[in-house]
PDB file of N, CA and C in Angstrom:
ATOM      1  N   UNK A   1      42.914  46.869  43.343  1.00  0.00           N
ATOM      2  CA  UNK A   1      41.506  46.930  43.716  1.00  0.00           C
ATOM      3  C   UNK A   1      40.751  45.838  42.963  1.00  0.00           C
ATOM      4  N   UNK A   2      39.944  45.091  43.678  1.00  0.00           N
ATOM      5  CA  UNK A   2      39.182  43.985  43.089  1.00  0.00           C
ATOM      6  C   UNK A   2      38.021  44.507  42.255  1.00  0.00           C
ATOM      7  N   UNK A   3      37.631  43.711  41.283  1.00  0.00           N
ATOM      8  CA  UNK A   3      36.458  44.018  40.466  1.00  0.00           C
ATOM      9  C   UNK A   3      35.398  42.966  40.689  1.00  0.00           C
ATOM     10  N   UNK A   4      34.144  43.399  40.608  1.00  0.00           N
ATOM     11  CA  UNK A   4      32.997  42.521  40.822  1.00  0.00           C
ATOM     12  C   UNK A   4      31.996  42.736  39.704  1.00  0.00           C
ATOM     13  N   UNK A   5      31.382  41.639  39.288  1.00  0.00           N
ATOM     14  CA  UNK A   5      30.290  41.723  38.319  1.00  0.00           C
ATOM     15  C   UNK A   5      29.001  41.782  39.121  1.00  0.00           C
ATOM     16  N   UNK A   6      28.161  42.736  38.809  1.00  0.00           N
ATOM     17  CA  UNK A   6      26.863  42.872  39.461  1.00  0.00           C
ATOM     18  C   UNK A   6      25.790  42.764  38.383  1.00  0.00           C
ATOM     19  N   UNK A   7      24.722  42.028  38.697  1.00  0.00           N
ATOM     20  CA  UNK A   7      23.673  41.830  37.697  1.00  0.00           C
ATOM     21  C   UNK A   7      22.301  41.778  38.349  1.00  0.00           C
ATOM     22  N   UNK A   8      21.317  42.236  37.602  1.00  0.00           N
ATOM     23  CA  UNK A   8      19.916  42.168  38.017  1.00  0.00           C
ATOM     24  C   UNK A   8      19.199  41.239  37.040  1.00  0.00           C
ATOM     25  N   UNK A   9      18.536  40.233  37.571  1.00  0.00           N
ATOM     26  CA  UNK A   9      17.741  39.330  36.743  1.00  0.00           C
ATOM     27  C   UNK A   9      16.365  39.978  36.553  1.00  0.00           C
ATOM     28  N   UNK A  10      16.150  40.540  35.371  1.00  0.00           N
ATOM     29  CA  UNK A  10      14.899  41.258  35.077  1.00  0.00           C
ATOM     30  C   UNK A  10      13.686  40.335  35.070  1.00  0.00           C
ATOM     31  N   UNK A  11      13.898  39.058  34.812  1.00  0.00           N
ATOM     32  CA  UNK A  11      12.797  38.091  34.823  1.00  0.00           C
ATOM     33  C   UNK A  11      12.269  37.878  36.245  1.00  0.00           C
ATOM     34  N   UNK A  12      13.143  38.039  37.228  1.00  0.00           N
ATOM     35  CA  UNK A  12      12.805  37.792  38.622  1.00  0.00           C
ATOM     36  C   UNK A  12      12.427  39.084  39.354  1.00  0.00           C
ATOM     37  N   UNK A  13      13.044  40.195  38.985  1.00  0.00           N
ATOM     38  CA  UNK A  13      12.824  41.490  39.651  1.00  0.00           C
ATOM     39  C   UNK A  13      11.337  41.864  39.661  1.00  0.00           C
ATOM     40  N   UNK A  14      10.853  42.291  40.826  1.00  0.00           N
ATOM     41  CA  UNK A  14       9.448  42.697  40.952  1.00  0.00           C
ATOM     42  C   UNK A  14       9.293  44.217  41.044  1.00  0.00           C
ATOM     43  N   UNK A  15      10.406  44.941  40.997  1.00  0.00           N
ATOM     44  CA  UNK A  15      10.345  46.396  41.011  1.00  0.00           C
ATOM     45  C   UNK A  15       9.948  46.995  42.344  1.00  0.00           C
ATOM     46  N   UNK A  16      10.300  46.335  43.429  1.00  0.00           N
ATOM     47  CA  UNK A  16       9.902  46.830  44.755  1.00  0.00           C
ATOM     48  C   UNK A  16      10.705  48.055  45.194  1.00  0.00           C
ATOM     49  N   UNK A  17      11.892  48.255  44.612  1.00  0.00           N
ATOM     50  CA  UNK A  17      12.690  49.439  44.917  1.00  0.00           C
ATOM     51  C   UNK A  17      13.642  49.308  46.085  1.00  0.00           C
ATOM     52  N   UNK A  18      13.678  48.163  46.726  1.00  0.00           N
ATOM     53  CA  UNK A  18      14.565  47.986  47.881  1.00  0.00           C
ATOM     54  C   UNK A  18      16.022  48.191  47.479  1.00  0.00           C
ATOM     55  N   UNK A  19      16.439  47.670  46.335  1.00  0.00           N
ATOM     56  CA  UNK A  19      17.846  47.762  45.953  1.00  0.00           C
ATOM     57  C   UNK A  19      18.279  49.198  45.679  1.00  0.00           C
ATOM     58  N   UNK A  20      17.480  49.949  44.933  1.00  0.00           N
ATOM     59  CA  UNK A  20      17.915  51.308  44.647  1.00  0.00           C
ATOM     60  C   UNK A  20      17.672  52.268  45.802  1.00  0.00           C
ATOM     61  N   UNK A  21      16.845  51.897  46.769  1.00  0.00           N
ATOM     62  CA  UNK A  21      16.762  52.719  47.971  1.00  0.00           C
ATOM     63  C   UNK A  21      17.885  52.348  48.946  1.00  0.00           C
ATOM     64  N   UNK A  22      18.342  51.087  48.911  1.00  0.00           N
ATOM     65  CA  UNK A  22      19.456  50.641  49.746  1.00  0.00           C
ATOM     66  C   UNK A  22      20.794  51.084  49.171  1.00  0.00           C
ATOM     67  N   UNK A  23      20.931  51.033  47.859  1.00  0.00           N
ATOM     68  CA  UNK A  23      22.218  51.310  47.210  1.00  0.00           C
ATOM     69  C   UNK A  23      22.045  52.111  45.912  1.00  0.00           C
ATOM     70  N   UNK A  24      21.688  53.386  46.038  1.00  0.00           N
ATOM     71  CA  UNK A  24      21.536  54.216  44.837  1.00  0.00           C
ATOM     72  C   UNK A  24      22.857  54.489  44.123  1.00  0.00           C
ATOM     73  N   UNK A  25      23.967  54.160  44.780  1.00  0.00           N
ATOM     74  CA  UNK A  25      25.284  54.317  44.151  1.00  0.00           C
ATOM     75  C   UNK A  25      25.482  53.327  43.011  1.00  0.00           C
ATOM     76  N   UNK A  26      24.706  52.230  43.004  1.00  0.00           N
ATOM     77  CA  UNK A  26      24.861  51.184  41.988  1.00  0.00           C
ATOM     78  C   UNK A  26      23.576  50.935  41.202  1.00  0.00           C
ATOM     79  N   UNK A  27      22.419  51.042  41.845  1.00  0.00           N
ATOM     80  CA  UNK A  27      21.151  50.668  41.207  1.00  0.00           C
ATOM     81  C   UNK A  27      20.212  51.861  41.054  1.00  0.00           C
ATOM     82  N   UNK A  28      19.359  51.768  40.039  1.00  0.00           N
ATOM     83  CA  UNK A  28      18.321  52.759  39.797  1.00  0.00           C
ATOM     84  C   UNK A  28      17.129  52.060  39.164  1.00  0.00           C
ATOM     85  N   UNK A  29      16.029  52.780  39.062  1.00  0.00           N
ATOM     86  CA  UNK A  29      14.817  52.252  38.454  1.00  0.00           C
ATOM     87  C   UNK A  29      14.858  52.466  36.943  1.00  0.00           C
ATOM     88  N   UNK A  30      14.371  51.485  36.197  1.00  0.00           N
ATOM     89  CA  UNK A  30      14.219  51.681  34.750  1.00  0.00           C
ATOM     90  C   UNK A  30      12.819  52.236  34.467  1.00  0.00           C
ATOM     91  N   UNK A  31      12.460  52.355  33.223  1.00  0.00           N
ATOM     92  CA  UNK A  31      11.164  52.930  32.850  1.00  0.00           C
ATOM     93  C   UNK A  31       9.975  52.084  33.301  1.00  0.00           C
ATOM     94  N   UNK A  32      10.218  50.802  33.561  1.00  0.00           N
ATOM     95  CA  UNK A  32       9.158  49.900  34.019  1.00  0.00           C
ATOM     96  C   UNK A  32       9.135  49.739  35.533  1.00  0.00           C
ATOM     97  N   UNK A  33      10.005  50.482  36.229  1.00  0.00           N
ATOM     98  CA  UNK A  33      10.067  50.390  37.684  1.00  0.00           C
ATOM     99  C   UNK A  33      10.935  49.258  38.193  1.00  0.00           C
ATOM    100  N   UNK A  34      11.549  48.519  37.285  1.00  0.00           N
ATOM    101  CA  UNK A  34      12.455  47.446  37.688  1.00  0.00           C
ATOM    102  C   UNK A  34      13.860  48.004  37.860  1.00  0.00           C
ATOM    103  N   UNK A  35      14.688  47.246  38.546  1.00  0.00           N
ATOM    104  CA  UNK A  35      16.039  47.699  38.842  1.00  0.00           C
ATOM    105  C   UNK A  35      16.969  47.553  37.645  1.00  0.00           C
ATOM    106  N   UNK A  36      17.929  48.461  37.577  1.00  0.00           N
ATOM    107  CA  UNK A  36      19.007  48.364  36.613  1.00  0.00           C
ATOM    108  C   UNK A  36      20.265  48.958  37.240  1.00  0.00           C
ATOM    109  N   UNK A  37      21.406  48.650  36.664  1.00  0.00           N
ATOM    110  CA  UNK A  37      22.687  49.183  37.121  1.00  0.00           C
ATOM    111  C   UNK A  37      22.849  50.583  36.530  1.00  0.00           C
ATOM    112  N   UNK A  38      23.330  51.526  37.331  1.00  0.00           N
ATOM    113  CA  UNK A  38      23.504  52.886  36.814  1.00  0.00           C
ATOM    114  C   UNK A  38      24.533  52.895  35.683  1.00  0.00           C
ATOM    115  N   UNK A  39      24.421  53.848  34.794  1.00  0.00           N
ATOM    116  CA  UNK A  39      25.245  53.877  33.588  1.00  0.00           C
ATOM    117  C   UNK A  39      26.740  53.914  33.885  1.00  0.00           C
ATOM    118  N   UNK A  40      27.140  54.512  34.974  1.00  0.00           N
ATOM    119  CA  UNK A  40      28.563  54.606  35.340  1.00  0.00           C
ATOM    120  C   UNK A  40      29.236  53.234  35.389  1.00  0.00           C
ATOM    121  N   UNK A  41      28.496  52.188  35.742  1.00  0.00           N
ATOM    122  CA  UNK A  41      29.077  50.863  35.916  1.00  0.00           C
ATOM    123  C   UNK A  41      28.766  49.876  34.792  1.00  0.00           C
ATOM    124  N   UNK A  42      27.983  50.289  33.818  1.00  0.00           N
ATOM    125  CA  UNK A  42      27.661  49.391  32.702  1.00  0.00           C
ATOM    126  C   UNK A  42      28.848  49.268  31.758  1.00  0.00           C
ATOM    127  N   UNK A  43      28.895  48.142  31.053  1.00  0.00           N
ATOM    128  CA  UNK A  43      29.938  47.930  30.061  1.00  0.00           C
ATOM    129  C   UNK A  43      29.740  48.901  28.898  1.00  0.00           C
ATOM    130  N   UNK A  44      30.808  49.564  28.511  1.00  0.00           N
ATOM    131  CA  UNK A  44      30.710  50.503  27.393  1.00  0.00           C
ATOM    132  C   UNK A  44      30.513  49.771  26.064  1.00  0.00           C
ATOM    133  N   UNK A  45      30.815  48.476  26.048  1.00  0.00           N
ATOM    134  CA  UNK A  45      30.643  47.702  24.818  1.00  0.00           C
ATOM    135  C   UNK A  45      29.196  47.318  24.568  1.00  0.00           C
ATOM    136  N   UNK A  46      28.516  46.837  25.598  1.00  0.00           N
ATOM    137  CA  UNK A  46      27.148  46.359  25.406  1.00  0.00           C
ATOM    138  C   UNK A  46      26.086  47.315  25.918  1.00  0.00           C
ATOM    139  N   UNK A  47      26.426  48.114  26.919  1.00  0.00           N
ATOM    140  CA  UNK A  47      25.461  48.994  27.589  1.00  0.00           C
ATOM    141  C   UNK A  47      24.242  48.221  28.087  1.00  0.00           C
ATOM    142  N   UNK A  48      24.450  46.950  28.444  1.00  0.00           N
ATOM    143  CA  UNK A  48      23.397  46.143  29.044  1.00  0.00           C
ATOM    144  C   UNK A  48      23.019  46.785  30.374  1.00  0.00           C
ATOM    145  N   UNK A  49      21.806  47.244  30.522  1.00  0.00           N
ATOM    146  CA  UNK A  49      21.387  47.959  31.723  1.00  0.00           C
ATOM    147  C   UNK A  49      21.208  47.054  32.928  1.00  0.00           C
ATOM    148  N   UNK A  50      21.220  45.747  32.713  1.00  0.00           N
ATOM    149  CA  UNK A  50      21.010  44.796  33.797  1.00  0.00           C
ATOM    150  C   UNK A  50      22.293  44.363  34.485  1.00  0.00           C
ATOM    151  N   UNK A  51      23.448  44.697  33.914  1.00  0.00           N
ATOM    152  CA  UNK A  51      24.690  44.266  34.537  1.00  0.00           C
ATOM    153  C   UNK A  51      25.800  45.289  34.359  1.00  0.00           C
ATOM    154  N   UNK A  52      26.791  45.153  35.228  1.00  0.00           N
ATOM    155  CA  UNK A  52      27.937  46.042  35.156  1.00  0.00           C
ATOM    156  C   UNK A  52      29.066  45.537  36.029  1.00  0.00           C
ATOM    157  N   UNK A  53      30.090  46.355  36.157  1.00  0.00           N
ATOM    158  CA  UNK A  53      31.273  45.995  36.931  1.00  0.00           C
ATOM    159  C   UNK A  53      31.569  47.094  37.938  1.00  0.00           C
ATOM    160  N   UNK A  54      31.726  46.685  39.185  1.00  0.00           N
ATOM    161  CA  UNK A  54      31.971  47.625  40.274  1.00  0.00           C
ATOM    162  C   UNK A  54      33.294  47.274  40.949  1.00  0.00           C
ATOM    163  N   UNK A  55      33.756  48.159  41.842  1.00  0.00           N
ATOM    164  CA  UNK A  55      34.990  47.889  42.577  1.00  0.00           C
ATOM    165  C   UNK A  55      34.717  47.884  44.077  1.00  0.00           C
ATOM    166  N   UNK A  56      35.772  47.782  44.840  1.00  0.00           N
ATOM    167  CA  UNK A  56      35.674  47.692  46.296  1.00  0.00           C
ATOM    168  C   UNK A  56      34.933  48.868  46.940  1.00  0.00           C
ATOM    169  N   UNK A  57      34.950  50.012  46.286  1.00  0.00           N
ATOM    170  CA  UNK A  57      34.355  51.209  46.895  1.00  0.00           C
ATOM    171  C   UNK A  57      32.842  51.105  47.076  1.00  0.00           C
ATOM    172  N   UNK A  58      32.181  50.278  46.281  1.00  0.00           N
ATOM    173  CA  UNK A  58      30.724  50.153  46.380  1.00  0.00           C
ATOM    174  C   UNK A  58      30.231  48.717  46.549  1.00  0.00           C
ATOM    175  N   UNK A  59      31.156  47.772  46.707  1.00  0.00           N
ATOM    176  CA  UNK A  59      30.730  46.372  46.774  1.00  0.00           C
ATOM    177  C   UNK A  59      29.886  46.086  48.013  1.00  0.00           C
ATOM    178  N   UNK A  60      30.196  46.682  49.144  1.00  0.00           N
ATOM    179  CA  UNK A  60      29.385  46.429  50.349  1.00  0.00           C
ATOM    180  C   UNK A  60      27.960  46.926  50.159  1.00  0.00           C
ATOM    181  N   UNK A  61      27.834  48.060  49.527  1.00  0.00           N
ATOM    182  CA  UNK A  61      26.515  48.619  49.231  1.00  0.00           C
ATOM    183  C   UNK A  61      25.733  47.673  48.318  1.00  0.00           C
ATOM    184  N   UNK A  62      26.376  47.194  47.252  1.00  0.00           N
ATOM    185  CA  UNK A  62      25.721  46.279  46.312  1.00  0.00           C
ATOM    186  C   UNK A  62      25.345  44.964  46.990  1.00  0.00           C
ATOM    187  N   UNK A  63      26.211  44.475  47.867  1.00  0.00           N
ATOM    188  CA  UNK A  63      25.910  43.241  48.587  1.00  0.00           C
ATOM    189  C   UNK A  63      24.738  43.433  49.548  1.00  0.00           C
ATOM    190  N   UNK A  64      24.623  44.607  50.144  1.00  0.00           N
ATOM    191  CA  UNK A  64      23.469  44.914  50.999  1.00  0.00           C
ATOM    192  C   UNK A  64      22.181  44.879  50.193  1.00  0.00           C
ATOM    193  N   UNK A  65      22.225  45.472  49.006  1.00  0.00           N
ATOM    194  CA  UNK A  65      21.053  45.453  48.126  1.00  0.00           C
ATOM    195  C   UNK A  65      20.708  44.020  47.738  1.00  0.00           C
ATOM    196  N   UNK A  66      21.722  43.242  47.411  1.00  0.00           N
ATOM    197  CA  UNK A  66      21.497  41.826  47.064  1.00  0.00           C
ATOM    198  C   UNK A  66      20.840  41.085  48.232  1.00  0.00           C
ATOM    199  N   UNK A  67      21.363  41.319  49.413  1.00  0.00           N
ATOM    200  CA  UNK A  67      20.880  40.600  50.589  1.00  0.00           C
ATOM    201  C   UNK A  67      19.469  41.008  51.013  1.00  0.00           C
ATOM    202  N   UNK A  68      19.058  42.221  50.671  1.00  0.00           N
ATOM    203  CA  UNK A  68      17.721  42.683  51.054  1.00  0.00           C
ATOM    204  C   UNK A  68      16.675  42.476  49.960  1.00  0.00           C
ATOM    205  N   UNK A  69      17.107  42.078  48.774  1.00  0.00           N
ATOM    206  CA  UNK A  69      16.160  41.840  47.675  1.00  0.00           C
ATOM    207  C   UNK A  69      15.237  40.684  48.054  1.00  0.00           C
ATOM    208  N   UNK A  70      13.921  40.923  48.097  1.00  0.00           N
ATOM    209  CA  UNK A  70      12.991  39.876  48.536  1.00  0.00           C
ATOM    210  C   UNK A  70      12.865  38.695  47.569  1.00  0.00           C
ATOM    211  N   UNK A  71      13.289  38.869  46.317  1.00  0.00           N
ATOM    212  CA  UNK A  71      13.174  37.788  45.344  1.00  0.00           C
ATOM    213  C   UNK A  71      14.536  37.304  44.832  1.00  0.00           C
ATOM    214  N   UNK A  72      15.592  37.770  45.459  1.00  0.00           N
ATOM    215  CA  UNK A  72      16.970  37.366  45.129  1.00  0.00           C
ATOM    216  C   UNK A  72      17.294  37.552  43.647  1.00  0.00           C
ATOM    217  N   UNK A  73      16.980  38.747  43.137  1.00  0.00           N
ATOM    218  CA  UNK A  73      17.198  39.033  41.719  1.00  0.00           C
ATOM    219  C   UNK A  73      18.584  39.603  41.418  1.00  0.00           C
ATOM    220  N   UNK A  74      19.387  39.841  42.450  1.00  0.00           N
ATOM    221  CA  UNK A  74      20.693  40.491  42.281  1.00  0.00           C
ATOM    222  C   UNK A  74      21.813  39.506  42.583  1.00  0.00           C
ATOM    223  N   UNK A  75      22.831  39.527  41.711  1.00  0.00           N
ATOM    224  CA  UNK A  75      24.041  38.758  41.984  1.00  0.00           C
ATOM    225  C   UNK A  75      25.232  39.712  42.029  1.00  0.00           C
ATOM    226  N   UNK A  76      26.171  39.402  42.893  1.00  0.00           N
ATOM    227  CA  UNK A  76      27.430  40.130  43.001  1.00  0.00           C
ATOM    228  C   UNK A  76      28.518  39.058  43.055  1.00  0.00           C
ATOM    229  N   UNK A  77      29.393  39.048  42.040  1.00  0.00           N
ATOM    230  CA  UNK A  77      30.427  38.018  41.948  1.00  0.00           C
ATOM    231  C   UNK A  77      31.785  38.657  41.747  1.00  0.00           C
ATOM    232  N   UNK A  78      32.750  38.215  42.518  1.00  0.00           N
ATOM    233  CA  UNK A  78      34.114  38.710  42.362  1.00  0.00           C
ATOM    234  C   UNK A  78      34.710  38.140  41.092  1.00  0.00           C
ATOM    235  N   UNK A  79      35.350  39.004  40.314  1.00  0.00           N
ATOM    236  CA  UNK A  79      36.008  38.559  39.077  1.00  0.00           C
ATOM    237  C   UNK A  79      37.394  38.037  39.403  1.00  0.00           C
ATOM    238  N   UNK A  80      37.772  37.004  38.664  1.00  0.00           N
ATOM    239  CA  UNK A  80      39.139  36.484  38.790  1.00  0.00           C
ATOM    240  C   UNK A  80      39.306  35.587  39.876  1.00  0.00           C
TER     241      UNK A  80
END
């Protein structure tokens, strides 16, 4: 199963909610209303809320969120 790095650029995110309404399996709102990756997919080493690693089971959902983000704040990159 392939792994993908998913990230939200907090500097660009406007908190419109499109990503977490499109793909709640991967994204959620933080305390400021901006997007973050749900804890299930965050790195246990850094717990950076803006990025994480997902697999094939949710990559289409994450890519949909990326594609619908009006400010292109989301990246989804295949590892390896």
